[in-house]
Amino acid sequence: MRAERIFWNKLKAKLVKMHPTLTKSDLIWRDGTISDMLEMISSKLGITAEELMEDVDKL
């Protein structure tokens, strides 16, 4: 779980750079997995989780 949280902290920094409309509240870790978090964020952005990860991989 700790490794997942560390990864999330790095990932959310990239997400904010790419999608400045995301708020701190959107990026607060909630119980679940990274996949769950990406699904929630991608839904807010109107894209799929796969598209979101493709964007992140480009950074």
Protein backbone atom coordinates (compact mmCIF):
# COMPACT_ATOMS: atom_id res chain seq x y z
CA MET A 1 0.00 0.00 0.00
CA ARG A 2 2.83 2.42 0.84
CA ALA A 3 4.46 1.96 -2.57
CA GLU A 4 1.12 2.65 -4.21
CA ARG A 5 0.76 5.91 -2.27
CA ILE A 6 4.29 7.01 -3.24
CA PHE A 7 3.53 6.25 -6.88
CA TRP A 8 0.26 8.17 -6.58
CA ASN A 9 2.04 11.27 -5.26
CA LYS A 10 4.31 11.29 -8.31
CA LEU A 11 1.45 10.59 -10.68
CA LYS A 12 -0.81 13.33 -9.34
CA ALA A 13 1.91 15.93 -9.93
CA LYS A 14 1.90 14.93 -13.60
CA LEU A 15 -1.89 14.96 -13.73
CA VAL A 16 -2.06 18.53 -12.42
CA LYS A 17 0.41 19.71 -15.06
CA MET A 18 -1.63 18.12 -17.83
CA HIS A 19 -5.09 18.94 -16.50
CA PRO A 20 -5.01 22.17 -14.46
CA THR A 21 -8.76 21.95 -13.88
CA LEU A 22 -8.17 19.12 -11.40
CA THR A 23 -8.40 20.28 -7.82
CA LYS A 24 -6.55 19.11 -4.73
CA SER A 25 -9.79 17.48 -3.67
CA ASP A 26 -9.91 15.49 -6.91
CA LEU A 27 -6.45 14.12 -6.24
CA ILE A 28 -6.74 13.16 -2.56
CA TRP A 29 -6.01 9.46 -2.13
CA ARG A 30 -9.11 7.50 -1.27
CA ASP A 31 -9.36 3.89 -0.23
CA GLY A 32 -9.03 1.68 -3.26
CA THR A 33 -6.47 1.26 -5.98
CA ILE A 34 -4.74 3.53 -8.42
CA SER A 35 -7.05 2.15 -11.09
CA ASP A 36 -10.05 3.28 -9.03
CA MET A 37 -8.57 6.75 -8.70
CA LEU A 38 -7.83 6.98 -12.42
CA GLU A 39 -11.37 5.90 -13.28
CA MET A 40 -12.79 8.65 -11.05
CA ILE A 41 -10.49 11.34 -12.47
CA SER A 42 -10.96 10.26 -16.08
CA SER A 43 -14.71 10.38 -15.60
CA LYS A 44 -14.43 13.97 -14.40
CA LEU A 45 -12.27 14.85 -17.41
CA GLY A 46 -14.58 13.08 -19.87
CA ILE A 47 -11.95 10.63 -21.11
CA THR A 48 -11.18 6.97 -20.46
CA ALA A 49 -8.65 5.82 -17.89
CA GLU A 50 -6.61 4.39 -20.75
CA GLU A 51 -6.50 7.79 -22.47
CA LEU A 52 -5.51 9.39 -19.20
CA MET A 53 -2.61 6.96 -18.73
CA GLU A 54 -1.49 7.49 -22.33
CA ASP A 55 -1.33 11.22 -21.62
CA VAL A 56 0.68 10.63 -18.44
CA ASP A 57 3.08 8.31 -20.26
CA LYS A 58 3.86 11.13 -22.72
CA LEU A 59 5.36 13.25 -19.94
